[in-house]
Amino acid sequence: MSENNRNLEYGVNDVPPAGHLVMLSIQHVLLMFVSVALPVIFAGQMSESAEFAATLVTFSMIASGLGSILQSVGLPFIGSGYLCPNVCGPSYFSVSLSAAWIGGLPLMRGMIMIAGLIEMVLAPVVQKLKHVFPKFIVGLVVAMVGVSVINMSVTSLFGLEYKGDALRSEDILIGFTSLMVMVLSNLWGKGFMKIYCLLTGMFAGWIFACILEPEYLLSLAKVSQTPFFALPVIGPQFHDIRFDFGLLIPFVVISISGSLKSFGNLLAAQKISEPARQSVDFVPIRKGLLADGFSTFLAGLLGGMAVDTSSSNIGLAGSTRVLSRWIGVTAGIIFIVLAFCPRLTVVLTLMPKPVLGASIIFAGCFMICTGLLEMFGEEWDSRKTFVVGISLIFGLSTAFLPELYARAPVMITMFFTDPLPTTTVLAVILHQVLNLDLLAARLMRKKVDA
């Protein structure tokens, strides 16, 4: 292990022993499976058959797996080279469903491909951002990566699936028990227990759920009715690709938002992978955004849901101090293999929601605190207070008041979509505006010196 990574279990370029590599990858695969619910929900909203849903899940998992491999390998021109897996992107769900209602799956596929191309075009722009991301803004973005998973993680912890669902004390107990097993395994565990804290908590929570609520045990009966291996049934919906430029604006908006979200995730991945680095290296960030856009394009081409980088998996890597990019490669391979194993897929999708929610909270904690430590690790002043404060207020308002922004003009909804991209955009703009006097003074001094 390199000197820079001496405080890590496995650094970004380290290759764990084969057994550890597989087990550590499985931890990440379990978190990646949270997103498999999206194509299932999508098929239900479209009133499609079980065969359609299974095929959509298969192609979505293949795209996620290939994207994870491409992102983590880090080829000369594409891929960040960080442990940053891809999953089905929830930010694309709403517009994808709208496109499918208008023109079916072929139209959804075509528009997702356009969104991926837009993100690929935007990727080189990140090279120009070198001077607009000082250390405290990087810390803010990293913290917001953790904040962005709050909604999904807390609703899952409480076992909620739909708005208006009642809270059950059993689900709350299962969720908090799972979370505490993960936390205590990470804090007090040694060796195997520490680096596999997520697996330990997940399986402990699952067993506890089966004891406390027999319905979780009964649901596993579905497994015996599912084949172990199956190829996707490619129906007529998967034979065509269409485009509608009337839908271009909402897909441009989402692709910009998705680019900003992935930008934050990649910044976070770089920070935890290279803790000794003092400034951002934008080359792997650019390559990572290019890989993310290509993966989204590939998802549309294959016939799956749009994919995106996963904040939860980056948080898991940071909390366990296991950053090897080869885990991302192996997790991607496992995810692709599982796409053709319906029985294993069904088992994982039956994992109790409170256990999944606990897993995401566990991963998000590290991102929030790492970002805050980075943000306040330098001298503070009133300018930074206003940059951070105003950005946070409006960024978090997108989560607290979504109905307000739903009625806003397109130019507003383009950026006020989610806490992470909104906070990032506002922080960058405010930092430049509130420091115009300092910039003018520097230019004046240079002119005088000249």
Protein backbone atom coordinates (compact mmCIF):
# COMPACT_ATOMS: atom_id res chain seq x y z
CA MET A 1 0.00 0.00 0.00
CA SER A 2 1.32 3.44 -0.87
CA GLU A 3 2.40 5.98 1.74
CA ASN A 4 -0.51 8.28 0.86
CA ASN A 5 -2.97 5.46 1.51
CA ARG A 6 -1.46 4.14 4.74
CA ASN A 7 -4.63 4.99 6.70
CA LEU A 8 -6.83 3.07 4.26
CA GLU A 9 -7.67 -0.63 4.33
CA TYR A 10 -7.25 -0.72 0.53
CA GLY A 11 -6.18 2.31 -1.51
CA VAL A 12 -7.61 3.25 -4.89
CA ASN A 13 -5.01 1.27 -6.87
CA ASP A 14 -4.64 -1.64 -4.43
CA VAL A 15 -5.93 -5.05 -5.48
CA PRO A 16 -7.43 -6.96 -2.51
CA PRO A 17 -6.93 -10.76 -2.33
CA ALA A 18 -9.47 -12.62 -4.50
CA GLY A 19 -11.74 -13.68 -1.64
CA HIS A 20 -11.84 -10.21 -0.10
CA LEU A 21 -12.32 -8.64 -3.54
CA VAL A 22 -15.46 -10.69 -4.19
CA MET A 23 -16.93 -10.17 -0.72
CA LEU A 24 -16.23 -6.43 -0.71
CA SER A 25 -17.79 -6.18 -4.16
CA ILE A 26 -20.90 -7.99 -2.93
CA GLN A 27 -21.33 -5.27 -0.26
CA HIS A 28 -21.51 -2.70 -3.03
CA VAL A 29 -23.79 -4.88 -5.16
CA LEU A 30 -26.27 -5.05 -2.27
CA LEU A 31 -26.44 -1.25 -2.19
CA MET A 32 -26.70 -1.08 -5.99
CA PHE A 33 -29.76 -3.32 -5.83
CA VAL A 34 -31.75 -0.53 -4.19
CA SER A 35 -32.09 1.05 -7.64
CA VAL A 36 -33.54 -2.11 -9.23
CA ALA A 37 -36.88 -1.04 -7.76
CA LEU A 38 -37.06 1.79 -10.32
CA PRO A 39 -37.55 -0.35 -13.47
CA VAL A 40 -40.02 -2.51 -11.53
CA ILE A 41 -42.05 0.57 -10.53
CA PHE A 42 -41.76 1.91 -14.08
CA ALA A 43 -43.23 -1.30 -15.55
CA GLY A 44 -46.07 -1.14 -13.02
CA GLN A 45 -46.86 2.47 -13.97
CA MET A 46 -47.00 1.42 -17.61
CA SER A 47 -49.24 -1.58 -16.74
CA GLU A 48 -46.82 -3.87 -18.55
CA SER A 49 -46.36 -7.63 -18.16
CA ALA A 50 -43.99 -9.43 -15.79
CA GLU A 51 -41.86 -10.42 -18.80
CA PHE A 52 -41.51 -6.74 -19.78
CA ALA A 53 -40.50 -5.82 -16.22
CA ALA A 54 -37.92 -8.62 -16.07
CA THR A 55 -36.40 -7.57 -19.41
CA LEU A 56 -36.28 -3.91 -18.36
CA VAL A 57 -34.53 -4.92 -15.12
CA THR A 58 -32.04 -7.07 -17.03
CA PHE A 59 -31.04 -4.33 -19.49
CA SER A 60 -30.89 -1.72 -16.71
CA MET A 61 -28.58 -3.95 -14.66
CA ILE A 62 -26.35 -4.63 -17.68
CA ALA A 63 -26.01 -0.88 -18.34
CA SER A 64 -25.27 -0.22 -14.65
CA GLY A 65 -22.69 -3.00 -14.56
CA LEU A 66 -20.92 -1.87 -17.73
CA GLY A 67 -20.97 1.72 -16.50
CA SER A 68 -19.45 0.68 -13.16
CA ILE A 69 -16.65 -1.19 -14.93
CA LEU A 70 -15.92 1.68 -17.33
CA GLN A 71 -15.95 4.25 -14.52
CA SER A 72 -13.64 2.28 -12.22
CA VAL A 73 -11.10 0.94 -14.74
CA GLY A 74 -10.23 4.47 -15.84
CA LEU A 75 -9.14 4.08 -19.47
CA PRO A 76 -6.84 6.74 -21.03
CA PHE A 77 -9.76 8.83 -22.32
CA ILE A 78 -12.79 7.78 -20.29
CA GLY A 79 -13.58 6.73 -16.73
CA SER A 80 -12.44 8.39 -13.48
CA GLY A 81 -10.50 5.42 -12.11
CA TYR A 82 -12.30 5.73 -8.75
CA LEU A 83 -14.64 3.33 -6.95
CA CYS A 84 -17.85 4.97 -8.18
CA PRO A 85 -20.47 2.41 -9.32
CA ASN A 86 -23.43 3.19 -11.57
CA VAL A 87 -27.07 2.53 -10.68
CA CYS A 88 -30.47 3.38 -12.19
CA GLY A 89 -30.76 7.16 -11.81
CA PRO A 90 -33.86 8.27 -9.88
CA SER A 91 -33.50 11.81 -11.27
CA TYR A 92 -34.39 10.49 -14.74
CA PHE A 93 -37.43 8.52 -13.59
CA SER A 94 -40.12 11.18 -13.95
CA VAL A 95 -39.16 12.42 -17.44
CA SER A 96 -38.57 8.83 -18.62
CA LEU A 97 -42.08 7.91 -17.51
CA SER A 98 -43.50 10.99 -19.27
CA ALA A 99 -41.75 10.02 -22.50
CA ALA A 100 -43.02 6.44 -22.21
CA TRP A 101 -46.61 7.63 -21.69
CA ILE A 102 -46.34 9.76 -24.84
CA GLY A 103 -44.50 7.38 -27.17
CA GLY A 104 -43.91 4.12 -25.32
CA LEU A 105 -40.57 2.53 -24.54
CA PRO A 106 -39.04 3.42 -27.96
CA LEU A 107 -39.42 7.15 -27.25
CA MET A 108 -38.06 6.77 -23.72
CA ARG A 109 -34.99 4.97 -25.11
CA GLY A 110 -34.33 7.65 -27.71
CA MET A 111 -34.59 10.53 -25.23
CA ILE A 112 -32.35 8.78 -22.70
CA MET A 113 -29.74 8.40 -25.46
CA ILE A 114 -29.97 12.15 -26.14
CA ALA A 115 -29.56 12.89 -22.41
CA GLY A 116 -26.42 10.75 -22.35
CA LEU A 117 -24.98 12.57 -25.37
CA ILE A 118 -25.67 15.94 -23.71
CA GLU A 119 -23.77 14.88 -20.59
CA MET A 120 -20.85 13.73 -22.76
CA VAL A 121 -20.79 17.13 -24.48
CA LEU A 122 -20.83 18.89 -21.08
CA ALA A 123 -17.94 16.79 -19.70
CA PRO A 124 -15.06 18.86 -21.22
CA VAL A 125 -16.50 22.04 -19.68
CA VAL A 126 -15.43 20.82 -16.24
CA GLN A 127 -11.81 21.57 -17.20
CA LYS A 128 -12.74 25.26 -17.10
CA LEU A 129 -13.95 25.06 -13.50
CA LYS A 130 -10.50 24.76 -11.93
CA HIS A 131 -10.60 28.25 -10.39
CA VAL A 132 -14.22 28.29 -9.20
CA PHE A 133 -14.01 25.38 -6.74
CA PRO A 134 -11.99 26.42 -3.69
CA LYS A 135 -11.56 23.99 -0.82
CA PHE A 136 -14.65 25.08 1.15
CA ILE A 137 -16.96 24.68 -1.87
CA VAL A 138 -15.55 21.22 -2.56
CA GLY A 139 -16.36 20.35 1.06
CA LEU A 140 -19.88 21.72 0.68
CA VAL A 141 -20.47 19.63 -2.45
CA VAL A 142 -19.17 16.47 -0.73
CA ALA A 143 -21.49 17.09 2.24
CA MET A 144 -24.45 17.59 -0.10
CA VAL A 145 -23.76 14.20 -1.70
CA GLY A 146 -24.70 12.72 1.68
CA VAL A 147 -27.64 15.07 2.14
CA SER A 148 -29.05 14.05 -1.25
CA VAL A 149 -29.82 10.50 -0.02
CA ILE A 150 -31.75 11.60 3.10
CA ASN A 151 -35.23 11.37 1.56
CA MET A 152 -34.77 7.89 0.10
CA SER A 153 -32.89 6.51 3.11
CA VAL A 154 -35.25 7.70 5.85
CA THR A 155 -38.44 6.66 4.05
CA SER A 156 -36.91 3.23 3.45
CA LEU A 157 -35.75 2.93 7.07
CA PHE A 158 -39.34 3.43 8.20
CA GLY A 159 -40.55 0.84 5.66
CA LEU A 160 -42.52 3.35 3.59
CA GLU A 161 -43.20 2.73 -0.10
CA TYR A 162 -45.99 5.14 -0.97
CA LYS A 163 -47.05 8.55 0.27
CA GLY A 164 -49.56 8.13 3.09
CA ASP A 165 -48.31 4.73 4.25
CA ALA A 166 -48.62 4.18 7.99
CA LEU A 167 -45.50 3.82 10.13
CA ARG A 168 -45.15 0.42 11.78
CA SER A 169 -43.20 0.05 15.01
CA GLU A 170 -41.80 -3.28 13.78
CA ASP A 171 -40.24 -1.65 10.71
CA ILE A 172 -38.74 1.14 12.81
CA LEU A 173 -37.22 -1.42 15.19
CA ILE A 174 -35.80 -3.46 12.30
CA GLY A 175 -34.32 -0.36 10.66
CA PHE A 176 -32.63 1.01 13.77
CA THR A 177 -31.36 -2.42 14.83
CA SER A 178 -29.76 -2.91 11.40
CA LEU A 179 -28.22 0.56 11.52
CA MET A 180 -26.73 0.04 14.98
CA VAL A 181 -25.24 -3.34 14.01
CA MET A 182 -23.53 -1.65 11.04
CA VAL A 183 -22.28 1.27 13.13
CA LEU A 184 -21.02 -0.83 16.05
CA SER A 185 -19.37 -3.34 13.70
CA ASN A 186 -17.53 -0.43 12.07
CA LEU A 187 -16.53 1.19 15.39
CA TRP A 188 -15.76 -1.82 17.57
CA GLY A 189 -15.11 -4.53 14.99
CA LYS A 190 -11.67 -5.64 13.92
CA GLY A 191 -10.49 -7.02 10.59
CA PHE A 192 -13.28 -8.97 8.88
CA MET A 193 -16.04 -7.49 11.05
CA LYS A 194 -14.95 -3.91 10.35
CA ILE A 195 -14.58 -4.03 6.57
CA TYR A 196 -17.73 -6.16 6.18
CA CYS A 197 -19.80 -4.05 8.57
CA LEU A 198 -22.47 -3.42 5.93
CA LEU A 199 -22.89 -7.12 5.13
CA THR A 200 -23.02 -7.93 8.83
CA GLY A 201 -25.73 -5.35 9.48
CA MET A 202 -27.77 -6.30 6.42
CA PHE A 203 -27.92 -10.00 7.22
CA ALA A 204 -28.48 -9.40 10.94
CA GLY A 205 -31.34 -7.03 10.07
CA TRP A 206 -32.82 -9.48 7.56
CA ILE A 207 -32.80 -12.34 10.08
CA PHE A 208 -34.30 -10.07 12.74
CA ALA A 209 -37.01 -8.96 10.28
CA CYS A 210 -37.94 -12.58 9.49
CA ILE A 211 -38.27 -13.32 13.22
CA LEU A 212 -40.22 -10.16 14.03
CA GLU A 213 -42.44 -10.11 10.93
CA PRO A 214 -43.15 -13.55 9.38
CA GLU A 215 -44.35 -11.87 6.16
CA TYR A 216 -40.71 -11.24 5.22
CA LEU A 217 -40.01 -14.96 5.58
CA LEU A 218 -43.15 -15.91 3.64
CA SER A 219 -42.20 -13.57 0.79
CA LEU A 220 -39.12 -15.72 0.16
CA ALA A 221 -41.47 -18.44 -1.12
CA LYS A 222 -41.45 -16.55 -4.44
CA VAL A 223 -37.86 -17.59 -4.93
CA SER A 224 -38.67 -21.25 -5.63
CA GLN A 225 -41.02 -20.19 -8.45
CA THR A 226 -38.29 -18.25 -10.26
CA PRO A 227 -35.75 -19.83 -12.64
CA PHE A 228 -32.11 -19.62 -11.66
CA PHE A 229 -30.96 -18.59 -15.15
CA ALA A 230 -32.97 -16.87 -17.89
CA LEU A 231 -32.35 -14.77 -20.97
CA PRO A 232 -34.45 -11.59 -21.38
CA VAL A 233 -37.66 -11.89 -23.39
CA ILE A 234 -37.26 -9.13 -25.98
CA GLY A 235 -40.80 -8.09 -26.88
CA PRO A 236 -41.85 -5.70 -29.66
CA GLN A 237 -41.39 -2.66 -27.38
CA PHE A 238 -37.62 -3.24 -27.45
CA HIS A 239 -37.35 -3.32 -31.25
CA ASP A 240 -37.54 0.40 -31.96
CA ILE A 241 -36.02 3.74 -30.93
CA ARG A 242 -37.79 7.06 -31.51
CA PHE A 243 -37.15 10.74 -30.76
CA ASP A 244 -39.40 13.71 -30.03
CA PHE A 245 -37.69 17.09 -29.96
CA GLY A 246 -40.71 18.48 -28.14
CA LEU A 247 -39.32 16.65 -25.10
CA LEU A 248 -35.82 18.01 -25.59
CA ILE A 249 -36.01 20.78 -22.97
CA PRO A 250 -36.99 18.56 -19.99
CA PHE A 251 -34.32 16.02 -20.95
CA VAL A 252 -31.70 18.77 -21.30
CA VAL A 253 -32.68 20.00 -17.83
CA ILE A 254 -32.36 16.52 -16.35
CA SER A 255 -29.06 15.80 -18.10
CA ILE A 256 -27.60 19.04 -16.69
CA SER A 257 -28.89 18.16 -13.25
CA GLY A 258 -27.53 14.62 -13.57
CA SER A 259 -24.14 15.99 -14.66
CA LEU A 260 -23.98 18.23 -11.61
CA LYS A 261 -24.95 15.33 -9.33
CA SER A 262 -22.28 13.09 -10.83
CA PHE A 263 -19.82 15.97 -10.61
CA GLY A 264 -20.44 16.08 -6.86
CA ASN A 265 -20.15 12.31 -6.54
CA LEU A 266 -16.85 12.26 -8.43
CA LEU A 267 -15.48 15.11 -6.33
CA ALA A 268 -16.40 13.10 -3.23
CA ALA A 269 -14.80 9.97 -4.66
CA GLN A 270 -11.58 11.87 -5.37
CA LYS A 271 -11.50 13.38 -1.89
CA ILE A 272 -11.83 10.06 -0.07
CA SER A 273 -9.59 8.19 -2.54
CA GLU A 274 -6.76 10.73 -2.39
CA PRO A 275 -7.01 12.31 1.08
CA ALA A 276 -3.55 13.92 0.78
CA ARG A 277 -4.53 15.89 -2.32
CA GLN A 278 -4.72 19.64 -1.65
CA SER A 279 -6.53 20.74 -4.82
CA VAL A 280 -9.00 19.14 -7.22
CA ASP A 281 -7.61 17.23 -10.21
CA PHE A 282 -10.22 17.86 -12.91
CA VAL A 283 -8.86 15.37 -15.44
CA PRO A 284 -10.39 12.24 -13.78
CA ILE A 285 -13.55 14.25 -13.02
CA ARG A 286 -13.92 15.07 -16.72
CA LYS A 287 -13.25 11.46 -17.73
CA GLY A 288 -15.74 10.30 -15.10
CA LEU A 289 -18.49 12.57 -16.45
CA LEU A 290 -17.75 11.32 -19.95
CA ALA A 291 -18.14 7.72 -18.71
CA ASP A 292 -21.37 8.61 -16.92
CA GLY A 293 -22.84 10.17 -20.07
CA PHE A 294 -21.76 7.21 -22.18
CA SER A 295 -23.34 4.79 -19.67
CA THR A 296 -26.62 6.69 -19.86
CA PHE A 297 -26.48 6.59 -23.66
CA LEU A 298 -25.76 2.85 -23.51
CA ALA A 299 -28.74 2.29 -21.17
CA GLY A 300 -31.08 3.87 -23.73
CA LEU A 301 -29.51 1.93 -26.57
CA LEU A 302 -29.92 -1.39 -24.74
CA GLY A 303 -33.48 -0.66 -23.59
CA GLY A 304 -32.96 -0.01 -19.88
CA MET A 305 -33.56 2.86 -17.47
CA ALA A 306 -31.06 5.75 -17.40
CA VAL A 307 -28.09 5.20 -15.08
CA ASP A 308 -26.16 7.52 -12.80
CA THR A 309 -23.28 7.47 -10.30
CA SER A 310 -24.22 6.21 -6.83
CA SER A 311 -23.76 8.47 -3.79
CA SER A 312 -24.48 5.59 -1.40
CA ASN A 313 -21.67 3.42 -2.74
CA ILE A 314 -19.16 6.26 -2.46
CA GLY A 315 -20.25 6.74 1.15
CA LEU A 316 -19.81 3.03 1.85
CA ALA A 317 -16.28 3.14 0.40
CA GLY A 318 -15.39 6.06 2.65
CA SER A 319 -16.90 4.60 5.82
CA THR A 320 -15.08 1.27 5.43
CA ARG A 321 -11.84 2.91 4.15
CA VAL A 322 -11.87 0.42 1.26
CA LEU A 323 -11.32 2.48 -1.92
CA SER A 324 -9.93 -0.02 -4.44
CA ARG A 325 -11.27 0.75 -7.91
CA TRP A 326 -11.07 -2.96 -8.71
CA ILE A 327 -13.99 -3.45 -6.34
CA GLY A 328 -16.05 -1.28 -8.71
CA VAL A 329 -14.94 -3.42 -11.64
CA THR A 330 -15.80 -6.68 -9.84
CA ALA A 331 -19.12 -5.29 -8.60
CA GLY A 332 -19.98 -4.34 -12.18
CA ILE A 333 -19.20 -7.87 -13.39
CA ILE A 334 -21.29 -9.43 -10.60
CA PHE A 335 -24.17 -7.06 -11.39
CA ILE A 336 -24.12 -8.10 -15.06
CA VAL A 337 -24.06 -11.81 -14.14
CA LEU A 338 -26.97 -11.32 -11.73
CA ALA A 339 -28.97 -9.70 -14.53
CA PHE A 340 -29.32 -13.21 -16.02
CA CYS A 341 -30.06 -14.90 -12.66
CA PRO A 342 -33.69 -14.04 -11.82
CA ARG A 343 -33.71 -16.20 -8.69
CA LEU A 344 -30.84 -14.29 -7.06
CA THR A 345 -32.31 -11.00 -8.22
CA VAL A 346 -35.66 -11.82 -6.59
CA VAL A 347 -33.91 -12.75 -3.32
CA LEU A 348 -32.12 -9.41 -3.17
CA THR A 349 -35.18 -7.38 -4.13
CA LEU A 350 -37.06 -9.03 -1.24
CA MET A 351 -34.65 -7.60 1.33
CA PRO A 352 -36.70 -5.62 3.90
CA LYS A 353 -36.86 -1.91 3.09
CA PRO A 354 -35.85 -0.87 6.64
CA VAL A 355 -32.59 -2.80 6.21
CA LEU A 356 -31.88 -1.08 2.89
CA GLY A 357 -32.70 2.30 4.43
CA ALA A 358 -30.26 1.65 7.27
CA SER A 359 -27.55 0.82 4.72
CA ILE A 360 -28.01 4.10 2.86
CA ILE A 361 -28.03 6.15 6.08
CA PHE A 362 -24.84 4.39 7.19
CA ALA A 363 -23.13 5.35 3.92
CA GLY A 364 -24.50 8.92 3.90
CA CYS A 365 -23.18 9.78 7.38
CA PHE A 366 -19.59 9.59 6.23
CA MET A 367 -20.14 11.83 3.22
CA ILE A 368 -21.82 14.59 5.23
CA CYS A 369 -19.14 14.69 7.93
CA THR A 370 -16.21 14.40 5.51
CA GLY A 371 -17.58 17.35 3.58
CA LEU A 372 -18.10 19.47 6.71
CA LEU A 373 -14.57 18.76 7.94
CA GLU A 374 -13.20 19.77 4.53
CA MET A 375 -15.36 22.89 4.45
CA PHE A 376 -14.35 24.19 7.89
CA GLY A 377 -10.74 23.05 7.60
CA GLU A 378 -9.58 26.52 6.54
CA GLU A 379 -9.96 30.05 7.87
CA TRP A 380 -13.57 31.24 7.81
CA ASP A 381 -14.99 34.68 7.00
CA SER A 382 -18.31 36.41 6.31
CA ARG A 383 -18.07 35.88 2.56
CA LYS A 384 -17.99 32.12 3.01
CA THR A 385 -20.87 32.35 5.48
CA PHE A 386 -23.11 33.95 2.87
CA VAL A 387 -21.95 31.67 0.04
CA VAL A 388 -22.60 28.53 2.08
CA GLY A 389 -25.68 29.81 3.94
CA ILE A 390 -27.61 31.11 0.92
CA SER A 391 -26.68 28.08 -1.17
CA LEU A 392 -27.82 25.68 1.53
CA ILE A 393 -31.10 27.49 2.16
CA PHE A 394 -32.15 27.44 -1.48
CA GLY A 395 -30.64 24.02 -2.13
CA LEU A 396 -32.48 22.38 0.76
CA SER A 397 -35.67 24.24 -0.18
CA THR A 398 -35.92 22.02 -3.27
CA ALA A 399 -36.43 19.07 -0.91
CA PHE A 400 -38.71 20.91 1.52
CA LEU A 401 -40.85 22.72 -1.11
CA PRO A 402 -40.86 20.61 -4.29
CA GLU A 403 -44.39 21.74 -5.18
CA LEU A 404 -43.19 25.36 -5.29
CA TYR A 405 -40.53 24.67 -7.93
CA ALA A 406 -42.88 22.43 -9.90
CA ARG A 407 -44.85 25.58 -10.76
CA ALA A 408 -41.77 27.68 -11.60
CA PRO A 409 -40.62 28.69 -15.12
CA VAL A 410 -38.34 26.31 -17.02
CA MET A 411 -35.22 28.43 -16.39
CA ILE A 412 -35.80 28.03 -12.64
CA THR A 413 -36.66 24.33 -12.67
CA MET A 414 -33.56 23.66 -14.77
CA PHE A 415 -31.36 24.26 -11.73
CA PHE A 416 -33.73 24.11 -8.74
CA THR A 417 -34.29 20.37 -8.98
CA ASP A 418 -32.44 18.69 -6.12
CA PRO A 419 -30.34 19.80 -3.11
CA LEU A 420 -27.01 18.67 -4.59
CA PRO A 421 -27.00 20.38 -8.02
CA THR A 422 -28.86 23.47 -6.75
CA THR A 423 -26.45 24.05 -3.86
CA THR A 424 -23.45 23.48 -6.15
CA VAL A 425 -24.58 25.96 -8.82
CA LEU A 426 -25.50 28.67 -6.30
CA ALA A 427 -22.27 28.26 -4.31
CA VAL A 428 -20.12 28.66 -7.44
CA ILE A 429 -22.05 31.74 -8.64
CA LEU A 430 -22.14 33.42 -5.22
CA HIS A 431 -18.45 32.79 -4.62
CA GLN A 432 -17.62 34.62 -7.82
CA VAL A 433 -20.07 37.49 -7.26
CA LEU A 434 -19.19 38.14 -3.60
CA ASN A 435 -15.48 38.23 -4.40
CA LEU A 436 -15.66 40.64 -7.34
CA ASP A 437 -14.11 43.42 -5.25
CA LEU A 438 -11.11 41.23 -4.37
CA LEU A 439 -10.71 40.24 -8.02
CA ALA A 440 -10.86 43.88 -9.09
CA ALA A 441 -8.26 44.80 -6.47
CA ARG A 442 -5.92 42.05 -7.67
CA LEU A 443 -6.26 43.18 -11.27
CA MET A 444 -5.58 46.77 -10.24
CA ARG A 445 -2.41 45.75 -8.36
CA LYS A 446 -1.18 43.80 -11.38
CA LYS A 447 -1.82 46.83 -13.59
CA VAL A 448 0.10 49.10 -11.21
CA ASP A 449 2.97 46.63 -10.92
CA ALA A 450 3.13 46.37 -14.68
